[in-house]
Each structure stands twice: as C-alpha cells, then as structure tokens.
C-alpha cells in the first residue's frame, strides 16, 4: 500500500548535503519557496548544482565585515574632534 507524504509547498525539505549560499539571478522556485532576483539563499549542494546548471542561481561567498569604529571624541577615535557652537 502506498502512503502519501503530504507533498506540496509545506512539505519538509530533505536535510541531505551541505548548505551553501547562492545568489538568485532569475526568478525561480528554490528550497520549496518562490525566490526573487537578488535574493541570497541557502540551498543543498544538489539543488544548487541543478539551479546553477539552468542559470537560475550563482554560488556566492558570504563574508562578514568588521564593525566600523563609530566612536567620536575619544582618544582612540579616528574621527575629527567635535566643534561646539559659540555665543555671539
């Protein structure tokens, strides 16, 4: 006897393979959801290769930048000193 696994949009995706980051080049359905151009998504290696071969996504490397030093008027700050308004 065959059993239905639920199927459709809300079905759980398989967790096989390593997840990698991809940039969506053309609108498509990836990871069980509709994706727009410019989205950065994480897909399994198998699905990523398939969509890359079709020209829908491109593999990207996500890097985190160091936070900028936003301190002002401290001895360790690189920002120029603040000027105050003078009474006339």
PDB file of N, CA and C in Angstrom:
ATOM      1  N   UNK A   1       0.838  -1.172   0.000  1.00  0.00           N
ATOM      2  CA  UNK A   1       0.000   0.000   0.000  1.00  0.00           C
ATOM      3  C   UNK A   1       0.887   1.241   0.000  1.00  0.00           C
ATOM      4  N   UNK A   2       0.559   2.186  -0.865  1.00  0.00           N
ATOM      5  CA  UNK A   2       1.334   3.421  -0.958  1.00  0.00           C
ATOM      6  C   UNK A   2       0.795   4.454   0.023  1.00  0.00           C
ATOM      7  N   UNK A   3       1.690   5.237   0.582  1.00  0.00           N
ATOM      8  CA  UNK A   3       1.294   6.297   1.507  1.00  0.00           C
ATOM      9  C   UNK A   3       1.700   7.637   0.909  1.00  0.00           C
ATOM     10  N   UNK A   4       0.867   8.631   1.101  1.00  0.00           N
ATOM     11  CA  UNK A   4       1.148   9.966   0.620  1.00  0.00           C
ATOM     12  C   UNK A   4       1.928  10.705   1.692  1.00  0.00           C
ATOM     13  N   UNK A   5       3.055  11.338   1.311  1.00  0.00           N
ATOM     14  CA  UNK A   5       3.911  12.007   2.287  1.00  0.00           C
ATOM     15  C   UNK A   5       3.534  13.462   2.514  1.00  0.00           C
ATOM     16  N   UNK A   6       2.401  13.900   2.017  1.00  0.00           N
ATOM     17  CA  UNK A   6       1.973  15.275   2.239  1.00  0.00           C
ATOM     18  C   UNK A   6       2.220  16.139   1.031  1.00  0.00           C
ATOM     19  N   UNK A   7       3.405  16.062   0.434  1.00  0.00           N
ATOM     20  CA  UNK A   7       3.723  16.799  -0.785  1.00  0.00           C
ATOM     21  C   UNK A   7       3.403  18.278  -0.685  1.00  0.00           C
ATOM     22  N   UNK A   8       3.535  18.993  -1.773  1.00  0.00           N
ATOM     23  CA  UNK A   8       3.136  20.391  -1.828  1.00  0.00           C
ATOM     24  C   UNK A   8       4.151  21.348  -1.245  1.00  0.00           C
ATOM     25  N   UNK A   9       3.722  22.594  -1.069  1.00  0.00           N
ATOM     26  CA  UNK A   9       4.596  23.681  -0.645  1.00  0.00           C
ATOM     27  C   UNK A   9       5.069  23.504   0.786  1.00  0.00           C
ATOM     28  N   UNK A  10       4.216  23.056   1.682  1.00  0.00           N
ATOM     29  CA  UNK A  10       4.560  22.986   3.096  1.00  0.00           C
ATOM     30  C   UNK A  10       5.334  21.754   3.495  1.00  0.00           C
ATOM     31  N   UNK A  11       5.718  20.923   2.535  1.00  0.00           N
ATOM     32  CA  UNK A  11       6.399  19.688   2.915  1.00  0.00           C
ATOM     33  C   UNK A  11       7.814  19.979   3.383  1.00  0.00           C
ATOM     34  N   UNK A  12       8.301  19.205   4.301  1.00  0.00           N
ATOM     35  CA  UNK A  12       9.661  19.425   4.787  1.00  0.00           C
ATOM     36  C   UNK A  12      10.680  19.071   3.715  1.00  0.00           C
ATOM     37  N   UNK A  13      11.724  19.876   3.585  1.00  0.00           N
ATOM     38  CA  UNK A  13      12.791  19.625   2.629  1.00  0.00           C
ATOM     39  C   UNK A  13      13.802  18.664   3.238  1.00  0.00           C
ATOM     40  N   UNK A  14      14.432  17.872   2.378  1.00  0.00           N
ATOM     41  CA  UNK A  14      15.420  16.930   2.881  1.00  0.00           C
ATOM     42  C   UNK A  14      16.636  17.698   3.390  1.00  0.00           C
ATOM     43  N   UNK A  15      17.266  17.193   4.406  1.00  0.00           N
ATOM     44  CA  UNK A  15      18.419  17.847   5.011  1.00  0.00           C
ATOM     45  C   UNK A  15      19.720  17.207   4.539  1.00  0.00           C
ATOM     46  N   UNK A  16      19.698  16.571   3.373  1.00  0.00           N
ATOM     47  CA  UNK A  16      20.882  15.908   2.857  1.00  0.00           C
ATOM     48  C   UNK A  16      21.828  16.940   2.255  1.00  0.00           C
ATOM     49  N   UNK A  17      23.094  16.717   2.435  1.00  0.00           N
ATOM     50  CA  UNK A  17      24.093  17.581   1.829  1.00  0.00           C
ATOM     51  C   UNK A  17      24.381  18.818   2.651  1.00  0.00           C
ATOM     52  N   UNK A  18      25.409  19.514   2.231  1.00  0.00           N
ATOM     53  CA  UNK A  18      25.851  20.729   2.895  1.00  0.00           C
ATOM     54  C   UNK A  18      25.112  21.911   2.303  1.00  0.00           C
ATOM     55  N   UNK A  19      24.687  22.834   3.136  1.00  0.00           N
ATOM     56  CA  UNK A  19      24.005  24.033   2.652  1.00  0.00           C
ATOM     57  C   UNK A  19      25.043  25.066   2.248  1.00  0.00           C
ATOM     58  N   UNK A  20      24.817  25.687   1.080  1.00  0.00           N
ATOM     59  CA  UNK A  20      25.710  26.705   0.565  1.00  0.00           C
ATOM     60  C   UNK A  20      24.889  27.923   0.179  1.00  0.00           C
ATOM     61  N   UNK A  21      25.528  29.089   0.106  1.00  0.00           N
ATOM     62  CA  UNK A  21      24.841  30.327  -0.241  1.00  0.00           C
ATOM     63  C   UNK A  21      24.856  30.532  -1.752  1.00  0.00           C
ATOM     64  N   UNK A  22      23.710  30.982  -2.279  1.00  0.00           N
ATOM     65  CA  UNK A  22      23.554  31.231  -3.707  1.00  0.00           C
ATOM     66  C   UNK A  22      22.839  32.555  -3.913  1.00  0.00           C
ATOM     67  N   UNK A  23      23.170  33.247  -5.003  1.00  0.00           N
ATOM     68  CA  UNK A  23      22.510  34.480  -5.410  1.00  0.00           C
ATOM     69  C   UNK A  23      21.542  34.134  -6.530  1.00  0.00           C
ATOM     70  N   UNK A  24      20.284  34.570  -6.410  1.00  0.00           N
ATOM     71  CA  UNK A  24      19.269  34.273  -7.416  1.00  0.00           C
ATOM     72  C   UNK A  24      19.438  35.247  -8.578  1.00  0.00           C
ATOM     73  N   UNK A  25      19.668  34.697  -9.791  1.00  0.00           N
ATOM     74  CA  UNK A  25      19.853  35.503 -10.993  1.00  0.00           C
ATOM     75  C   UNK A  25      18.547  35.696 -11.752  1.00  0.00           C
ATOM     76  N   UNK A  26      17.662  34.700 -11.697  1.00  0.00           N
ATOM     77  CA  UNK A  26      16.358  34.755 -12.348  1.00  0.00           C
ATOM     78  C   UNK A  26      15.327  34.236 -11.364  1.00  0.00           C
ATOM     79  N   UNK A  27      14.125  34.777 -11.403  1.00  0.00           N
ATOM     80  CA  UNK A  27      13.077  34.323 -10.509  1.00  0.00           C
ATOM     81  C   UNK A  27      12.832  32.838 -10.677  1.00  0.00           C
ATOM     82  N   UNK A  28      12.723  32.116  -9.579  1.00  0.00           N
ATOM     83  CA  UNK A  28      12.537  30.668  -9.641  1.00  0.00           C
ATOM     84  C   UNK A  28      11.957  30.176  -8.317  1.00  0.00           C
ATOM     85  N   UNK A  29      11.709  28.868  -8.278  1.00  0.00           N
ATOM     86  CA  UNK A  29      11.298  28.211  -7.046  1.00  0.00           C
ATOM     87  C   UNK A  29      12.500  27.438  -6.545  1.00  0.00           C
ATOM     88  N   UNK A  30      12.972  27.762  -5.359  1.00  0.00           N
ATOM     89  CA  UNK A  30      14.141  27.111  -4.786  1.00  0.00           C
ATOM     90  C   UNK A  30      13.894  26.892  -3.305  1.00  0.00           C
ATOM     91  N   UNK A  31      14.249  25.727  -2.833  1.00  0.00           N
ATOM     92  CA  UNK A  31      14.055  25.419  -1.421  1.00  0.00           C
ATOM     93  C   UNK A  31      12.587  25.358  -1.040  1.00  0.00           C
ATOM     94  N   UNK A  32      11.713  25.100  -2.009  1.00  0.00           N
ATOM     95  CA  UNK A  32      10.288  24.981  -1.732  1.00  0.00           C
ATOM     96  C   UNK A  32       9.555  26.310  -1.682  1.00  0.00           C
ATOM     97  N   UNK A  33      10.227  27.413  -2.010  1.00  0.00           N
ATOM     98  CA  UNK A  33       9.598  28.736  -1.970  1.00  0.00           C
ATOM     99  C   UNK A  33       9.915  29.506  -3.242  1.00  0.00           C
ATOM    100  N   UNK A  34       9.070  30.469  -3.579  1.00  0.00           N
ATOM    101  CA  UNK A  34       9.311  31.334  -4.718  1.00  0.00           C
ATOM    102  C   UNK A  34      10.399  32.336  -4.348  1.00  0.00           C
ATOM    103  N   UNK A  35      11.388  32.502  -5.221  1.00  0.00           N
ATOM    104  CA  UNK A  35      12.517  33.399  -4.952  1.00  0.00           C
ATOM    105  C   UNK A  35      12.569  34.506  -6.000  1.00  0.00           C
ATOM    106  N   UNK A  36      12.975  35.691  -5.600  1.00  0.00           N
ATOM    107  CA  UNK A  36      13.074  36.854  -6.484  1.00  0.00           C
ATOM    108  C   UNK A  36      14.531  37.097  -6.856  1.00  0.00           C
ATOM    109  N   UNK A  37      14.736  37.857  -7.926  1.00  0.00           N
ATOM    110  CA  UNK A  37      16.079  38.210  -8.376  1.00  0.00           C
ATOM    111  C   UNK A  37      16.772  39.016  -7.277  1.00  0.00           C
ATOM    112  N   UNK A  38      18.022  38.679  -6.983  1.00  0.00           N
ATOM    113  CA  UNK A  38      18.809  39.402  -5.995  1.00  0.00           C
ATOM    114  C   UNK A  38      18.794  38.796  -4.605  1.00  0.00           C
ATOM    115  N   UNK A  39      17.927  37.820  -4.357  1.00  0.00           N
ATOM    116  CA  UNK A  39      17.893  37.165  -3.049  1.00  0.00           C
ATOM    117  C   UNK A  39      19.146  36.322  -2.854  1.00  0.00           C
ATOM    118  N   UNK A  40      19.661  36.290  -1.639  1.00  0.00           N
ATOM    119  CA  UNK A  40      20.748  35.382  -1.280  1.00  0.00           C
ATOM    120  C   UNK A  40      20.121  34.304  -0.411  1.00  0.00           C
ATOM    121  N   UNK A  41      20.206  33.055  -0.891  1.00  0.00           N
ATOM    122  CA  UNK A  41      19.525  31.945  -0.224  1.00  0.00           C
ATOM    123  C   UNK A  41      20.511  30.822   0.059  1.00  0.00           C
ATOM    124  N   UNK A  42      20.126  29.928   0.960  1.00  0.00           N
ATOM    125  CA  UNK A  42      20.926  28.751   1.252  1.00  0.00           C
ATOM    126  C   UNK A  42      20.204  27.533   0.716  1.00  0.00           C
ATOM    127  N   UNK A  43      20.916  26.749  -0.098  1.00  0.00           N
ATOM    128  CA  UNK A  43      20.355  25.555  -0.704  1.00  0.00           C
ATOM    129  C   UNK A  43      21.284  24.377  -0.467  1.00  0.00           C
ATOM    130  N   UNK A  44      20.734  23.176  -0.610  1.00  0.00           N
ATOM    131  CA  UNK A  44      21.575  21.994  -0.546  1.00  0.00           C
ATOM    132  C   UNK A  44      22.467  21.971  -1.775  1.00  0.00           C
ATOM    133  N   UNK A  45      23.550  21.248  -1.690  1.00  0.00           N
ATOM    134  CA  UNK A  45      24.510  21.203  -2.789  1.00  0.00           C
ATOM    135  C   UNK A  45      23.875  20.665  -4.070  1.00  0.00           C
ATOM    136  N   UNK A  46      23.045  19.647  -3.938  1.00  0.00           N
ATOM    137  CA  UNK A  46      22.410  19.034  -5.102  1.00  0.00           C
ATOM    138  C   UNK A  46      21.455  20.009  -5.797  1.00  0.00           C
ATOM    139  N   UNK A  47      20.598  20.672  -5.042  1.00  0.00           N
ATOM    140  CA  UNK A  47      19.663  21.629  -5.624  1.00  0.00           C
ATOM    141  C   UNK A  47      20.402  22.837  -6.195  1.00  0.00           C
ATOM    142  N   UNK A  48      21.466  23.274  -5.528  1.00  0.00           N
ATOM    143  CA  UNK A  48      22.268  24.386  -6.017  1.00  0.00           C
ATOM    144  C   UNK A  48      22.926  24.083  -7.349  1.00  0.00           C
ATOM    145  N   UNK A  49      23.468  22.884  -7.497  1.00  0.00           N
ATOM    146  CA  UNK A  49      24.090  22.490  -8.761  1.00  0.00           C
ATOM    147  C   UNK A  49      23.064  22.446  -9.879  1.00  0.00           C
ATOM    148  N   UNK A  50      21.891  21.951  -9.572  1.00  0.00           N
ATOM    149  CA  UNK A  50      20.829  21.856 -10.572  1.00  0.00           C
ATOM    150  C   UNK A  50      20.407  23.245 -11.055  1.00  0.00           C
ATOM    151  N   UNK A  51      20.182  24.169 -10.126  1.00  0.00           N
ATOM    152  CA  UNK A  51      19.762  25.522 -10.491  1.00  0.00           C
ATOM    153  C   UNK A  51      20.897  26.316 -11.137  1.00  0.00           C
ATOM    154  N   UNK A  52      22.146  26.035 -10.762  1.00  0.00           N
ATOM    155  CA  UNK A  52      23.293  26.684 -11.389  1.00  0.00           C
ATOM    156  C   UNK A  52      23.410  26.253 -12.846  1.00  0.00           C
ATOM    157  N   UNK A  53      23.188  24.975 -13.117  1.00  0.00           N
ATOM    158  CA  UNK A  53      23.249  24.460 -14.486  1.00  0.00           C
ATOM    159  C   UNK A  53      22.176  25.098 -15.369  1.00  0.00           C
ATOM    160  N   UNK A  54      21.027  25.458 -14.787  1.00  0.00           N
ATOM    161  CA  UNK A  54      19.954  26.103 -15.541  1.00  0.00           C
ATOM    162  C   UNK A  54      20.163  27.607 -15.659  1.00  0.00           C
ATOM    163  N   UNK A  55      21.152  28.156 -14.935  1.00  0.00           N
ATOM    164  CA  UNK A  55      21.418  29.589 -14.990  1.00  0.00           C
ATOM    165  C   UNK A  55      20.492  30.399 -14.100  1.00  0.00           C
ATOM    166  N   UNK A  56      19.881  29.770 -13.129  1.00  0.00           N
ATOM    167  CA  UNK A  56      18.959  30.475 -12.227  1.00  0.00           C
ATOM    168  C   UNK A  56      19.662  31.084 -11.021  1.00  0.00           C
ATOM    169  N   UNK A  57      20.710  30.423 -10.522  1.00  0.00           N
ATOM    170  CA  UNK A  57      21.425  30.915  -9.338  1.00  0.00           C
ATOM    171  C   UNK A  57      22.927  30.888  -9.594  1.00  0.00           C
ATOM    172  N   UNK A  58      23.673  31.585  -8.734  1.00  0.00           N
ATOM    173  CA  UNK A  58      25.127  31.630  -8.806  1.00  0.00           C
ATOM    174  C   UNK A  58      25.656  31.495  -7.386  1.00  0.00           C
ATOM    175  N   UNK A  59      26.692  30.685  -7.208  1.00  0.00           N
ATOM    176  CA  UNK A  59      27.270  30.482  -5.880  1.00  0.00           C
ATOM    177  C   UNK A  59      27.997  31.746  -5.432  1.00  0.00           C
ATOM    178  N   UNK A  60      27.803  32.127  -4.178  1.00  0.00           N
ATOM    179  CA  UNK A  60      28.471  33.302  -3.616  1.00  0.00           C
ATOM    180  C   UNK A  60      29.127  32.927  -2.301  1.00  0.00           C
ATOM    181  N   UNK A  61      30.126  33.703  -1.926  1.00  0.00           N
ATOM    182  CA  UNK A  61      30.731  33.540  -0.613  1.00  0.00           C
ATOM    183  C   UNK A  61      30.285  34.713   0.236  1.00  0.00           C
ATOM    184  N   UNK A  62      29.741  34.424   1.384  1.00  0.00           N
ATOM    185  CA  UNK A  62      29.246  35.457   2.287  1.00  0.00           C
ATOM    186  C   UNK A  62      30.344  35.780   3.284  1.00  0.00           C
ATOM    187  N   UNK A  63      30.766  37.042   3.306  1.00  0.00           N
ATOM    188  CA  UNK A  63      31.791  37.478   4.251  1.00  0.00           C
ATOM    189  C   UNK A  63      31.190  38.520   5.187  1.00  0.00           C
ATOM    190  N   UNK A  64      31.614  38.475   6.409  1.00  0.00           N
ATOM    191  CA  UNK A  64      31.147  39.450   7.388  1.00  0.00           C
ATOM    192  C   UNK A  64      32.241  40.492   7.576  1.00  0.00           C
ATOM    193  N   UNK A  65      31.858  41.766   7.447  1.00  0.00           N
ATOM    194  CA  UNK A  65      32.813  42.849   7.634  1.00  0.00           C
ATOM    195  C   UNK A  65      32.970  43.160   9.112  1.00  0.00           C
ATOM    196  N   UNK A  66      34.149  43.634   9.466  1.00  0.00           N
ATOM    197  CA  UNK A  66      34.373  44.060  10.845  1.00  0.00           C
ATOM    198  C   UNK A  66      33.563  45.330  11.085  1.00  0.00           C
ATOM    199  N   UNK A  67      32.959  45.460  12.253  1.00  0.00           N
ATOM    200  CA  UNK A  67      32.174  46.661  12.513  1.00  0.00           C
ATOM    201  C   UNK A  67      33.050  47.909  12.484  1.00  0.00           C
ATOM    202  N   UNK A  68      32.514  48.984  11.945  1.00  0.00           N
ATOM    203  CA  UNK A  68      33.257  50.241  11.837  1.00  0.00           C
ATOM    204  C   UNK A  68      33.344  50.909  13.211  1.00  0.00           C
ATOM    205  N   UNK A  69      34.436  51.607  13.440  1.00  0.00           N
ATOM    206  CA  UNK A  69      34.615  52.342  14.688  1.00  0.00           C
ATOM    207  C   UNK A  69      33.828  53.637  14.587  1.00  0.00           C
ATOM    208  N   UNK A  70      32.729  53.746  15.296  1.00  0.00           N
ATOM    209  CA  UNK A  70      31.867  54.919  15.217  1.00  0.00           C
ATOM    210  C   UNK A  70      32.031  55.850  16.412  1.00  0.00           C
ATOM    211  N   UNK A  71      33.039  55.631  17.229  1.00  0.00           N
ATOM    212  CA  UNK A  71      33.241  56.478  18.395  1.00  0.00           C
ATOM    213  C   UNK A  71      33.721  57.864  17.970  1.00  0.00           C
ATOM    214  N   UNK A  72      33.301  58.866  18.698  1.00  0.00           N
ATOM    215  CA  UNK A  72      33.662  60.246  18.387  1.00  0.00           C
ATOM    216  C   UNK A  72      34.235  60.885  19.643  1.00  0.00           C
ATOM    217  N   UNK A  73      35.308  61.630  19.494  1.00  0.00           N
ATOM    218  CA  UNK A  73      35.947  62.403  20.567  1.00  0.00           C
ATOM    219  C   UNK A  73      36.542  61.527  21.658  1.00  0.00           C
ATOM    220  N   UNK A  74      36.961  60.347  21.339  1.00  0.00           N
ATOM    221  CA  UNK A  74      37.704  59.517  22.282  1.00  0.00           C
ATOM    222  C   UNK A  74      39.164  59.531  21.870  1.00  0.00           C
ATOM    223  N   UNK A  75      40.038  59.184  22.801  1.00  0.00           N
ATOM    224  CA  UNK A  75      41.456  59.193  22.476  1.00  0.00           C
ATOM    225  C   UNK A  75      41.797  58.181  21.381  1.00  0.00           C
ATOM    226  N   UNK A  76      41.067  57.089  21.308  1.00  0.00           N
ATOM    227  CA  UNK A  76      41.366  56.061  20.313  1.00  0.00           C
ATOM    228  C   UNK A  76      40.582  56.264  19.021  1.00  0.00           C
ATOM    229  N   UNK A  77      39.798  57.314  18.933  1.00  0.00           N
ATOM    230  CA  UNK A  77      38.948  57.554  17.776  1.00  0.00           C
ATOM    231  C   UNK A  77      39.727  58.157  16.618  1.00  0.00           C
ATOM    232  N   UNK A  78      39.368  57.787  15.398  1.00  0.00           N
ATOM    233  CA  UNK A  78      39.964  58.356  14.196  1.00  0.00           C
ATOM    234  C   UNK A  78      39.145  59.527  13.677  1.00  0.00           C
ATOM    235  N   UNK A  79      37.975  59.746  14.241  1.00  0.00           N
ATOM    236  CA  UNK A  79      37.082  60.807  13.767  1.00  0.00           C
ATOM    237  C   UNK A  79      37.619  62.175  14.185  1.00  0.00           C
ATOM    238  N   UNK A  80      37.309  63.232  13.410  1.00  0.00           N
ATOM    239  CA  UNK A  80      37.752  64.577  13.802  1.00  0.00           C
ATOM    240  C   UNK A  80      37.034  65.037  15.080  1.00  0.00           C
ATOM    241  N   UNK A  81      37.661  65.966  15.796  1.00  0.00           N
ATOM    242  CA  UNK A  81      37.068  66.469  17.039  1.00  0.00           C
ATOM    243  C   UNK A  81      35.786  67.233  16.744  1.00  0.00           C
ATOM    244  N   UNK A  82      34.882  67.188  17.696  1.00  0.00           N
ATOM    245  CA  UNK A  82      33.626  67.890  17.550  1.00  0.00           C
ATOM    246  C   UNK A  82      33.825  69.384  17.788  1.00  0.00           C
ATOM    247  N   UNK A  83      33.075  70.172  17.064  1.00  0.00           N
ATOM    248  CA  UNK A  83      33.091  71.617  17.299  1.00  0.00           C
ATOM    249  C   UNK A  83      31.751  72.005  17.911  1.00  0.00           C
ATOM    250  N   UNK A  84      31.797  72.937  18.866  1.00  0.00           N
ATOM    251  CA  UNK A  84      30.574  73.374  19.528  1.00  0.00           C
ATOM    252  C   UNK A  84      30.191  74.754  19.039  1.00  0.00           C
ATOM    253  N   UNK A  85      28.968  75.105  19.181  1.00  0.00           N
ATOM    254  CA  UNK A  85      28.506  76.443  18.780  1.00  0.00           C
ATOM    255  C   UNK A  85      29.007  77.467  19.789  1.00  0.00           C
ATOM    256  N   UNK A  86      29.393  78.614  19.280  1.00  0.00           N
ATOM    257  CA  UNK A  86      29.904  79.667  20.160  1.00  0.00           C
ATOM    258  C   UNK A  86      28.863  80.768  20.269  1.00  0.00           C
ATOM    259  N   UNK A  87      28.843  81.408  21.439  1.00  0.00           N
ATOM    260  CA  UNK A  87      27.923  82.532  21.632  1.00  0.00           C
ATOM    261  C   UNK A  87      28.462  83.749  20.899  1.00  0.00           C
ATOM    262  N   UNK A  88      27.570  84.475  20.301  1.00  0.00           N
ATOM    263  CA  UNK A  88      27.982  85.658  19.541  1.00  0.00           C
ATOM    264  C   UNK A  88      27.855  86.905  20.392  1.00  0.00           C
TER     265      UNK A  88
END
